[in-house]
């Protein structure tokens, strides 16, 4: 007997960490029949076959989506509209489409432009999981265990389509939450996009100093932990900045104000202000996240 949330043919457009981990998780749960991949890097696709992530791959989007009942788009935000346009030409009429982009506003605009009435089968999504490594070899089946996946369905989104994508992620061990598109982008700008900008900016600044090699040689664990995310895919984060620019720039400007306040307190040796600021930050982190 086939489970009601079983996916017969899953097509993954962009077989990197997120897509390959999704495939491996669903295969482990026997929740997918066939996984078809598409990407621009054929060597990566061949490795996907070798690792059992993919059952086959295609070299055109039209061939990859043919007959698929679920299509997952896992490409950089800047490529979404082009991919959606190709999917719209070739996907079967009842295929459910979702994405994994970390900013939803631009994705939704692209979907509305390309899918027309078929946007009812599109379920915008964002798994809050990942890492600095990319490519099919980076994937692993437990990536989504206990992690959040945020879905941001539109007013036009069919309830059955949303339920199908929710069931897919739950089979991977994920916890599902629903947000509206604008709120998602504001929250993720603060919790994900801004920290990446800070890490990139710090590494870029320090690397421009004359003694940068010595600085990096003596970097301790705190520096490595804080800047780890600066090893993330530059293309992906370029696209995130452009896609979620308004929310991100507002937060960057607020952060600059905080840094200016700290600099002024240091400049004037205002020990009380520094202690107040640091104590407040510590108490809020301990309260909201934990002290570990």
C-alpha atoms as a PDB file:
ATOM      1  CA  UNK A   1       0.000   0.000   0.000  1.00  0.00           C
ATOM      2  CA  UNK A   2       1.383   3.431  -0.986  1.00  0.00           C
ATOM      3  CA  UNK A   3       1.415   6.026   1.809  1.00  0.00           C
ATOM      4  CA  UNK A   4      -0.756   9.057   1.091  1.00  0.00           C
ATOM      5  CA  UNK A   5       2.253  11.373   1.465  1.00  0.00           C
ATOM      6  CA  UNK A   6       4.437   9.263  -0.825  1.00  0.00           C
ATOM      7  CA  UNK A   7       6.060  11.198  -3.678  1.00  0.00           C
ATOM      8  CA  UNK A   8       6.163   9.195  -6.875  1.00  0.00           C
ATOM      9  CA  UNK A   9       8.612  11.383  -8.823  1.00  0.00           C
ATOM     10  CA  UNK A  10      10.537  14.171  -7.108  1.00  0.00           C
ATOM     11  CA  UNK A  11      12.429  16.631  -9.281  1.00  0.00           C
ATOM     12  CA  UNK A  12      15.170  18.700  -7.638  1.00  0.00           C
ATOM     13  CA  UNK A  13      16.377  21.725  -9.573  1.00  0.00           C
ATOM     14  CA  UNK A  14      19.794  22.551  -8.107  1.00  0.00           C
ATOM     15  CA  UNK A  15      21.317  19.548  -6.365  1.00  0.00           C
ATOM     16  CA  UNK A  16      23.406  21.029  -3.558  1.00  0.00           C
ATOM     17  CA  UNK A  17      23.397  20.611   0.204  1.00  0.00           C
ATOM     18  CA  UNK A  18      19.699  21.384   0.651  1.00  0.00           C
ATOM     19  CA  UNK A  19      18.402  19.349  -2.286  1.00  0.00           C
ATOM     20  CA  UNK A  20      20.648  16.344  -1.737  1.00  0.00           C
ATOM     21  CA  UNK A  21      19.803  16.233   1.982  1.00  0.00           C
ATOM     22  CA  UNK A  22      16.102  16.330   1.123  1.00  0.00           C
ATOM     23  CA  UNK A  23      16.517  13.404  -1.260  1.00  0.00           C
ATOM     24  CA  UNK A  24      18.513  11.340   1.233  1.00  0.00           C
ATOM     25  CA  UNK A  25      16.011  12.005   4.027  1.00  0.00           C
ATOM     26  CA  UNK A  26      13.037  10.991   1.894  1.00  0.00           C
ATOM     27  CA  UNK A  27      14.818   7.906   0.593  1.00  0.00           C
ATOM     28  CA  UNK A  28      15.669   6.870   4.146  1.00  0.00           C
ATOM     29  CA  UNK A  29      11.975   7.118   5.008  1.00  0.00           C
ATOM     30  CA  UNK A  30      10.922   5.285   1.831  1.00  0.00           C
ATOM     31  CA  UNK A  31       8.801   8.352   1.065  1.00  0.00           C
ATOM     32  CA  UNK A  32       9.872   8.857  -2.546  1.00  0.00           C
ATOM     33  CA  UNK A  33       9.871   6.634  -5.603  1.00  0.00           C
ATOM     34  CA  UNK A  34      12.274   8.306  -8.023  1.00  0.00           C
ATOM     35  CA  UNK A  35      14.457  11.399  -7.619  1.00  0.00           C
ATOM     36  CA  UNK A  36      15.407  13.283 -10.768  1.00  0.00           C
ATOM     37  CA  UNK A  37      18.014  16.017 -10.648  1.00  0.00           C
ATOM     38  CA  UNK A  38      18.864  18.979 -12.820  1.00  0.00           C
ATOM     39  CA  UNK A  39      21.816  21.330 -12.543  1.00  0.00           C
ATOM     40  CA  UNK A  40      24.424  23.099 -14.636  1.00  0.00           C
ATOM     41  CA  UNK A  41      27.343  21.101 -13.219  1.00  0.00           C
ATOM     42  CA  UNK A  42      27.277  17.652 -14.810  1.00  0.00           C
ATOM     43  CA  UNK A  43      30.116  16.363 -12.621  1.00  0.00           C
ATOM     44  CA  UNK A  44      28.016  17.217  -9.574  1.00  0.00           C
ATOM     45  CA  UNK A  45      25.053  15.355 -11.058  1.00  0.00           C
ATOM     46  CA  UNK A  46      27.216  12.326 -11.831  1.00  0.00           C
ATOM     47  CA  UNK A  47      28.373  12.342  -8.213  1.00  0.00           C
ATOM     48  CA  UNK A  48      24.723  12.466  -7.173  1.00  0.00           C
ATOM     49  CA  UNK A  49      24.095   9.241  -9.078  1.00  0.00           C
ATOM     50  CA  UNK A  50      27.174   7.644  -7.556  1.00  0.00           C
ATOM     51  CA  UNK A  51      26.116   8.573  -4.014  1.00  0.00           C
ATOM     52  CA  UNK A  52      22.529   7.416  -4.500  1.00  0.00           C
ATOM     53  CA  UNK A  53      21.143  10.918  -4.060  1.00  0.00           C
ATOM     54  CA  UNK A  54      19.709  10.832  -7.582  1.00  0.00           C
ATOM     55  CA  UNK A  55      18.129   8.013  -9.512  1.00  0.00           C
ATOM     56  CA  UNK A  56      18.740   9.864 -12.746  1.00  0.00           C
ATOM     57  CA  UNK A  57      19.459  13.353 -13.973  1.00  0.00           C
ATOM     58  CA  UNK A  58      18.551  15.435 -16.983  1.00  0.00           C
ATOM     59  CA  UNK A  59      20.403  18.206 -18.765  1.00  0.00           C
ATOM     60  CA  UNK A  60      17.322  20.361 -19.409  1.00  0.00           C
ATOM     61  CA  UNK A  61      14.677  21.559 -16.999  1.00  0.00           C
ATOM     62  CA  UNK A  62      11.937  20.467 -19.394  1.00  0.00           C
ATOM     63  CA  UNK A  63      13.128  16.865 -19.309  1.00  0.00           C
ATOM     64  CA  UNK A  64      13.751  16.928 -15.549  1.00  0.00           C
ATOM     65  CA  UNK A  65      10.245  18.096 -14.567  1.00  0.00           C
ATOM     66  CA  UNK A  66       8.386  15.864 -17.013  1.00  0.00           C
ATOM     67  CA  UNK A  67       6.060  13.618 -15.047  1.00  0.00           C
ATOM     68  CA  UNK A  68       7.201  14.877 -11.631  1.00  0.00           C
ATOM     69  CA  UNK A  69       4.480  15.245  -9.030  1.00  0.00           C
ATOM     70  CA  UNK A  70       6.650  17.418  -6.745  1.00  0.00           C
ATOM     71  CA  UNK A  71       9.278  19.919  -7.958  1.00  0.00           C
ATOM     72  CA  UNK A  72      11.755  21.507  -5.536  1.00  0.00           C
ATOM     73  CA  UNK A  73      13.666  24.557  -6.753  1.00  0.00           C
ATOM     74  CA  UNK A  74      16.966  24.972  -4.880  1.00  0.00           C
ATOM     75  CA  UNK A  75      18.844  27.546  -6.943  1.00  0.00           C
ATOM     76  CA  UNK A  76      20.202  31.003  -6.009  1.00  0.00           C
ATOM     77  CA  UNK A  77      17.510  33.668  -5.698  1.00  0.00           C
ATOM     78  CA  UNK A  78      18.720  35.466  -8.812  1.00  0.00           C
ATOM     79  CA  UNK A  79      18.023  32.382 -10.933  1.00  0.00           C
ATOM     80  CA  UNK A  80      14.500  31.674  -9.634  1.00  0.00           C
ATOM     81  CA  UNK A  81      12.512  33.503 -12.304  1.00  0.00           C
ATOM     82  CA  UNK A  82      14.387  31.902 -15.193  1.00  0.00           C
ATOM     83  CA  UNK A  83      13.857  28.453 -13.663  1.00  0.00           C
ATOM     84  CA  UNK A  84      10.172  29.144 -12.972  1.00  0.00           C
ATOM     85  CA  UNK A  85       9.677  30.166 -16.602  1.00  0.00           C
ATOM     86  CA  UNK A  86      11.077  26.824 -17.768  1.00  0.00           C
ATOM     87  CA  UNK A  87       9.018  24.855 -15.250  1.00  0.00           C
ATOM     88  CA  UNK A  88       5.830  26.638 -16.327  1.00  0.00           C
ATOM     89  CA  UNK A  89       6.327  25.400 -19.900  1.00  0.00           C
ATOM     90  CA  UNK A  90       6.867  21.734 -19.064  1.00  0.00           C
ATOM     91  CA  UNK A  91       5.521  20.667 -15.659  1.00  0.00           C
ATOM     92  CA  UNK A  92       2.415  18.581 -15.537  1.00  0.00           C
ATOM     93  CA  UNK A  93      -0.784  20.422 -14.612  1.00  0.00           C
ATOM     94  CA  UNK A  94      -1.091  18.943 -11.130  1.00  0.00           C
ATOM     95  CA  UNK A  95       2.590  19.128 -10.109  1.00  0.00           C
ATOM     96  CA  UNK A  96       3.206  20.838  -6.775  1.00  0.00           C
ATOM     97  CA  UNK A  97       6.124  23.270  -6.834  1.00  0.00           C
ATOM     98  CA  UNK A  98       8.102  24.630  -3.901  1.00  0.00           C
ATOM     99  CA  UNK A  99      11.404  26.413  -3.333  1.00  0.00           C
ATOM    100  CA  UNK A 100      13.982  26.734  -0.555  1.00  0.00           C
ATOM    101  CA  UNK A 101      15.015  30.384  -0.952  1.00  0.00           C
ATOM    102  CA  UNK A 102      15.905  32.346   2.178  1.00  0.00           C
ATOM    103  CA  UNK A 103      14.098  35.510   1.031  1.00  0.00           C
ATOM    104  CA  UNK A 104      10.505  35.044  -0.088  1.00  0.00           C
ATOM    105  CA  UNK A 105       9.406  38.398  -1.509  1.00  0.00           C
ATOM    106  CA  UNK A 106      11.430  38.154  -4.720  1.00  0.00           C
ATOM    107  CA  UNK A 107      10.557  34.474  -5.126  1.00  0.00           C
ATOM    108  CA  UNK A 108       6.845  35.194  -4.873  1.00  0.00           C
ATOM    109  CA  UNK A 109       7.113  38.001  -7.419  1.00  0.00           C
ATOM    110  CA  UNK A 110       8.872  35.652  -9.825  1.00  0.00           C
ATOM    111  CA  UNK A 111       6.280  32.925  -9.266  1.00  0.00           C
ATOM    112  CA  UNK A 112       3.376  35.296  -9.871  1.00  0.00           C
ATOM    113  CA  UNK A 113       5.015  36.510 -13.070  1.00  0.00           C
ATOM    114  CA  UNK A 114       5.726  33.061 -14.496  1.00  0.00           C
ATOM    115  CA  UNK A 115       3.087  30.649 -13.179  1.00  0.00           C
ATOM    116  CA  UNK A 116      -0.096  32.643 -13.794  1.00  0.00           C
ATOM    117  CA  UNK A 117      -3.115  30.687 -12.581  1.00  0.00           C
ATOM    118  CA  UNK A 118      -0.835  27.749 -11.792  1.00  0.00           C
ATOM    119  CA  UNK A 119       0.609  29.735  -8.870  1.00  0.00           C
ATOM    120  CA  UNK A 120      -2.074  27.946  -6.822  1.00  0.00           C
ATOM    121  CA  UNK A 121       0.250  24.902  -6.927  1.00  0.00           C
ATOM    122  CA  UNK A 122       3.266  26.887  -5.707  1.00  0.00           C
ATOM    123  CA  UNK A 123       4.180  26.701  -1.999  1.00  0.00           C
ATOM    124  CA  UNK A 124       7.037  29.063  -1.046  1.00  0.00           C
ATOM    125  CA  UNK A 125       9.277  27.460   1.565  1.00  0.00           C
ATOM    126  CA  UNK A 126      12.478  27.961   3.498  1.00  0.00           C
ATOM    127  CA  UNK A 127      14.234  25.237   5.525  1.00  0.00           C
ATOM    128  CA  UNK A 128      16.190  26.836   8.374  1.00  0.00           C
ATOM    129  CA  UNK A 129      19.088  24.466   7.938  1.00  0.00           C
ATOM    130  CA  UNK A 130      22.276  24.379   5.983  1.00  0.00           C
ATOM    131  CA  UNK A 131      25.982  24.906   6.255  1.00  0.00           C
ATOM    132  CA  UNK A 132      28.991  26.411   4.596  1.00  0.00           C
ATOM    133  CA  UNK A 133      29.696  23.410   2.357  1.00  0.00           C
ATOM    134  CA  UNK A 134      27.973  23.121  -0.994  1.00  0.00           C
ATOM    135  CA  UNK A 135      27.463  20.515  -3.675  1.00  0.00           C
ATOM    136  CA  UNK A 136      25.814  17.124  -3.668  1.00  0.00           C
ATOM    137  CA  UNK A 137      28.550  15.578  -1.511  1.00  0.00           C
ATOM    138  CA  UNK A 138      27.669  17.940   1.357  1.00  0.00           C
ATOM    139  CA  UNK A 139      24.202  16.427   1.811  1.00  0.00           C
ATOM    140  CA  UNK A 140      23.203  14.132   4.655  1.00  0.00           C
ATOM    141  CA  UNK A 141      19.911  12.501   5.594  1.00  0.00           C
ATOM    142  CA  UNK A 142      19.556  13.982   9.089  1.00  0.00           C
ATOM    143  CA  UNK A 143      20.044  17.659   8.162  1.00  0.00           C
ATOM    144  CA  UNK A 144      16.389  18.509   8.812  1.00  0.00           C
ATOM    145  CA  UNK A 145      15.875  16.493  11.984  1.00  0.00           C
ATOM    146  CA  UNK A 146      14.347  18.858  14.550  1.00  0.00           C
ATOM    147  CA  UNK A 147      14.951  21.886  12.322  1.00  0.00           C
ATOM    148  CA  UNK A 148      12.337  24.435  11.312  1.00  0.00           C
ATOM    149  CA  UNK A 149      10.946  24.731   7.822  1.00  0.00           C
ATOM    150  CA  UNK A 150       8.975  27.906   7.240  1.00  0.00           C
ATOM    151  CA  UNK A 151       6.201  27.843   4.639  1.00  0.00           C
ATOM    152  CA  UNK A 152       4.762  31.099   3.314  1.00  0.00           C
ATOM    153  CA  UNK A 153       1.790  30.107   1.137  1.00  0.00           C
ATOM    154  CA  UNK A 154      -0.027  32.795  -0.820  1.00  0.00           C
ATOM    155  CA  UNK A 155      -3.711  33.613  -0.730  1.00  0.00           C
ATOM    156  CA  UNK A 156      -3.951  31.748  -4.036  1.00  0.00           C
ATOM    157  CA  UNK A 157      -2.093  28.653  -2.818  1.00  0.00           C
ATOM    158  CA  UNK A 158      -4.192  25.508  -2.834  1.00  0.00           C
ATOM    159  CA  UNK A 159      -4.566  23.986   0.637  1.00  0.00           C
ATOM    160  CA  UNK A 160      -3.819  20.511  -0.691  1.00  0.00           C
ATOM    161  CA  UNK A 161      -0.567  21.756  -2.227  1.00  0.00           C
ATOM    162  CA  UNK A 162       0.504  23.268   1.100  1.00  0.00           C
ATOM    163  CA  UNK A 163      -0.405  20.047   2.893  1.00  0.00           C
ATOM    164  CA  UNK A 164       1.678  18.023   0.455  1.00  0.00           C
ATOM    165  CA  UNK A 165       4.793  20.130   0.968  1.00  0.00           C
ATOM    166  CA  UNK A 166       4.283  20.162   4.727  1.00  0.00           C
ATOM    167  CA  UNK A 167       4.031  16.361   4.718  1.00  0.00           C
ATOM    168  CA  UNK A 168       7.225  16.119   2.643  1.00  0.00           C
ATOM    169  CA  UNK A 169       9.224  18.148   5.154  1.00  0.00           C
ATOM    170  CA  UNK A 170       7.714  16.352   8.139  1.00  0.00           C
ATOM    171  CA  UNK A 171       8.889  13.044   6.674  1.00  0.00           C
ATOM    172  CA  UNK A 172      12.393  14.546   6.843  1.00  0.00           C
ATOM    173  CA  UNK A 173      11.972  15.185  10.579  1.00  0.00           C
ATOM    174  CA  UNK A 174      11.382  18.933  10.280  1.00  0.00           C
ATOM    175  CA  UNK A 175       9.085  21.128  12.350  1.00  0.00           C
ATOM    176  CA  UNK A 176       6.779  23.263  10.201  1.00  0.00           C
ATOM    177  CA  UNK A 177       5.844  26.870  10.832  1.00  0.00           C
ATOM    178  CA  UNK A 178       3.805  29.271   8.720  1.00  0.00           C
ATOM    179  CA  UNK A 179       4.571  32.963   8.218  1.00  0.00           C
ATOM    180  CA  UNK A 180       3.444  35.584   5.758  1.00  0.00           C
ATOM    181  CA  UNK A 181       6.017  36.582   3.166  1.00  0.00           C
ATOM    182  CA  UNK A 182       6.842  40.068   4.460  1.00  0.00           C
ATOM    183  CA  UNK A 183       7.191  38.955   8.069  1.00  0.00           C
ATOM    184  CA  UNK A 184       9.425  36.049   7.042  1.00  0.00           C
ATOM    185  CA  UNK A 185      11.795  38.373   5.220  1.00  0.00           C
ATOM    186  CA  UNK A 186      12.035  40.800   8.139  1.00  0.00           C
ATOM    187  CA  UNK A 187      12.718  38.013  10.642  1.00  0.00           C
ATOM    188  CA  UNK A 188      15.307  36.301   8.455  1.00  0.00           C
ATOM    189  CA  UNK A 189      17.016  39.606   7.710  1.00  0.00           C
ATOM    190  CA  UNK A 190      17.662  39.929  11.451  1.00  0.00           C
ATOM    191  CA  UNK A 191      18.482  36.346  12.344  1.00  0.00           C
ATOM    192  CA  UNK A 192      20.355  35.139   9.266  1.00  0.00           C
ATOM    193  CA  UNK A 193      21.090  37.766   6.647  1.00  0.00           C
ATOM    194  CA  UNK A 194      22.553  40.426   8.960  1.00  0.00           C
ATOM    195  CA  UNK A 195      24.896  37.972  10.772  1.00  0.00           C
ATOM    196  CA  UNK A 196      26.266  36.832   7.407  1.00  0.00           C
ATOM    197  CA  UNK A 197      26.931  40.450   6.425  1.00  0.00           C
ATOM    198  CA  UNK A 198      28.771  41.051   9.699  1.00  0.00           C
ATOM    199  CA  UNK A 199      30.955  37.982   9.189  1.00  0.00           C
ATOM    200  CA  UNK A 200      31.764  38.871   5.596  1.00  0.00           C
ATOM    201  CA  UNK A 201      32.541  42.485   6.528  1.00  0.00           C
ATOM    202  CA  UNK A 202      34.824  41.519   9.419  1.00  0.00           C
ATOM    203  CA  UNK A 203      36.868  39.049   7.370  1.00  0.00           C
ATOM    204  CA  UNK A 204      37.075  41.512   4.486  1.00  0.00           C
ATOM    205  CA  UNK A 205      38.222  44.306   6.812  1.00  0.00           C
ATOM    206  CA  UNK A 206      40.864  42.231   8.583  1.00  0.00           C
ATOM    207  CA  UNK A 207      42.171  40.738   5.353  1.00  0.00           C
ATOM    208  CA  UNK A 208      42.967  44.256   4.115  1.00  0.00           C
ATOM    209  CA  UNK A 209      45.299  45.009   7.037  1.00  0.00           C
ATOM    210  CA  UNK A 210      49.038  44.838   6.451  1.00  0.00           C
ATOM    211  CA  UNK A 211      49.529  42.190   9.136  1.00  0.00           C
ATOM    212  CA  UNK A 212      46.432  40.157   8.217  1.00  0.00           C
ATOM    213  CA  UNK A 213      48.331  36.872   7.943  1.00  0.00           C
ATOM    214  CA  UNK A 214      49.482  37.168  11.558  1.00  0.00           C
ATOM    215  CA  UNK A 215      45.983  38.204  12.651  1.00  0.00           C
ATOM    216  CA  UNK A 216      44.426  35.097  11.124  1.00  0.00           C
ATOM    217  CA  UNK A 217      47.202  32.865  12.434  1.00  0.00           C
ATOM    218  CA  UNK A 218      46.462  33.881  16.009  1.00  0.00           C
ATOM    219  CA  UNK A 219      42.681  33.839  15.644  1.00  0.00           C
ATOM    220  CA  UNK A 220      41.070  31.895  18.476  1.00  0.00           C
ATOM    221  CA  UNK A 221      37.889  29.846  18.623  1.00  0.00           C
ATOM    222  CA  UNK A 222      35.594  32.813  19.008  1.00  0.00           C
ATOM    223  CA  UNK A 223      36.831  34.358  15.786  1.00  0.00           C
ATOM    224  CA  UNK A 224      36.506  31.053  13.914  1.00  0.00           C
ATOM    225  CA  UNK A 225      32.980  30.516  15.241  1.00  0.00           C
ATOM    226  CA  UNK A 226      31.842  34.043  14.432  1.00  0.00           C
ATOM    227  CA  UNK A 227      33.312  34.123  10.929  1.00  0.00           C
ATOM    228  CA  UNK A 228      32.478  30.528   9.955  1.00  0.00           C
ATOM    229  CA  UNK A 229      29.491  31.696   7.914  1.00  0.00           C
ATOM    230  CA  UNK A 230      31.764  33.898   5.791  1.00  0.00           C
ATOM    231  CA  UNK A 231      32.723  30.640   4.059  1.00  0.00           C
ATOM    232  CA  UNK A 232      29.201  30.403   2.622  1.00  0.00           C
ATOM    233  CA  UNK A 233      28.459  30.600  -1.097  1.00  0.00           C
ATOM    234  CA  UNK A 234      29.138  34.201  -2.268  1.00  0.00           C
ATOM    235  CA  UNK A 235      26.681  33.962  -5.180  1.00  0.00           C
ATOM    236  CA  UNK A 236      23.861  32.901  -2.899  1.00  0.00           C
ATOM    237  CA  UNK A 237      24.515  35.723  -0.454  1.00  0.00           C
ATOM    238  CA  UNK A 238      24.896  38.313  -3.199  1.00  0.00           C
ATOM    239  CA  UNK A 239      21.406  37.345  -4.343  1.00  0.00           C
ATOM    240  CA  UNK A 240      20.029  37.443  -0.789  1.00  0.00           C
ATOM    241  CA  UNK A 241      21.313  41.010  -0.353  1.00  0.00           C
ATOM    242  CA  UNK A 242      19.602  42.140  -3.534  1.00  0.00           C
ATOM    243  CA  UNK A 243      16.380  40.226  -2.878  1.00  0.00           C
ATOM    244  CA  UNK A 244      15.935  41.362   0.738  1.00  0.00           C
ATOM    245  CA  UNK A 245      17.765  44.669   0.486  1.00  0.00           C
ATOM    246  CA  UNK A 246      15.278  47.006   2.168  1.00  0.00           C
ATOM    247  CA  UNK A 247      14.987  44.991   5.375  1.00  0.00           C
ATOM    248  CA  UNK A 248      18.695  44.236   5.439  1.00  0.00           C
ATOM    249  CA  UNK A 249      19.908  47.808   4.908  1.00  0.00           C
ATOM    250  CA  UNK A 250      17.631  49.035   7.689  1.00  0.00           C
ATOM    251  CA  UNK A 251      19.183  46.522  10.097  1.00  0.00           C
ATOM    252  CA  UNK A 252      22.722  47.322   8.963  1.00  0.00           C
ATOM    253  CA  UNK A 253      22.111  51.000   9.692  1.00  0.00           C
ATOM    254  CA  UNK A 254      20.738  50.162  13.142  1.00  0.00           C
ATOM    255  CA  UNK A 255      23.792  48.010  13.803  1.00  0.00           C
ATOM    256  CA  UNK A 256      26.088  50.822  12.724  1.00  0.00           C
ATOM    257  CA  UNK A 257      24.384  53.014  15.329  1.00  0.00           C
ATOM    258  CA  UNK A 258      25.091  50.370  17.999  1.00  0.00           C
ATOM    259  CA  UNK A 259      28.754  50.193  16.992  1.00  0.00           C
ATOM    260  CA  UNK A 260      29.005  53.975  17.100  1.00  0.00           C
ATOM    261  CA  UNK A 261      27.586  53.934  20.634  1.00  0.00           C
ATOM    262  CA  UNK A 262      30.163  51.360  21.721  1.00  0.00           C
ATOM    263  CA  UNK A 263      32.969  53.317  20.064  1.00  0.00           C
ATOM    264  CA  UNK A 264      31.894  56.497  21.846  1.00  0.00           C
ATOM    265  CA  UNK A 265      31.742  54.716  25.215  1.00  0.00           C
ATOM    266  CA  UNK A 266      35.250  53.320  24.667  1.00  0.00           C
ATOM    267  CA  UNK A 267      36.537  56.679  23.474  1.00  0.00           C
ATOM    268  CA  UNK A 268      35.294  58.394  26.645  1.00  0.00           C
ATOM    269  CA  UNK A 269      36.201  55.481  28.945  1.00  0.00           C
ATOM    270  CA  UNK A 270      32.538  55.243  29.972  1.00  0.00           C
ATOM    271  CA  UNK A 271      32.809  52.015  31.970  1.00  0.00           C
ATOM    272  CA  UNK A 272      29.228  52.224  33.237  1.00  0.00           C
ATOM    273  CA  UNK A 273      27.772  52.470  29.717  1.00  0.00           C
ATOM    274  CA  UNK A 274      29.880  49.573  28.468  1.00  0.00           C
ATOM    275  CA  UNK A 275      28.866  47.401  31.421  1.00  0.00           C
ATOM    276  CA  UNK A 276      25.199  48.319  30.923  1.00  0.00           C
ATOM    277  CA  UNK A 277      25.292  47.454  27.233  1.00  0.00           C
ATOM    278  CA  UNK A 278      27.215  44.195  27.693  1.00  0.00           C
ATOM    279  CA  UNK A 279      25.071  43.091  30.649  1.00  0.00           C
ATOM    280  CA  UNK A 280      21.855  43.746  28.753  1.00  0.00           C
ATOM    281  CA  UNK A 281      23.105  41.835  25.701  1.00  0.00           C
ATOM    282  CA  UNK A 282      24.221  38.883  27.837  1.00  0.00           C
ATOM    283  CA  UNK A 283      20.949  38.690  29.753  1.00  0.00           C
ATOM    284  CA  UNK A 284      18.890  38.808  26.540  1.00  0.00           C
ATOM    285  CA  UNK A 285      20.935  36.114  24.843  1.00  0.00           C
ATOM    286  CA  UNK A 286      20.807  33.887  27.924  1.00  0.00           C
ATOM    287  CA  UNK A 287      17.043  34.423  28.190  1.00  0.00           C
ATOM    288  CA  UNK A 288      16.142  33.994  24.534  1.00  0.00           C
ATOM    289  CA  UNK A 289      18.692  31.428  23.355  1.00  0.00           C
ATOM    290  CA  UNK A 290      20.547  30.011  26.354  1.00  0.00           C
ATOM    291  CA  UNK A 291      24.014  30.506  27.761  1.00  0.00           C
ATOM    292  CA  UNK A 292      25.720  27.669  25.829  1.00  0.00           C
END
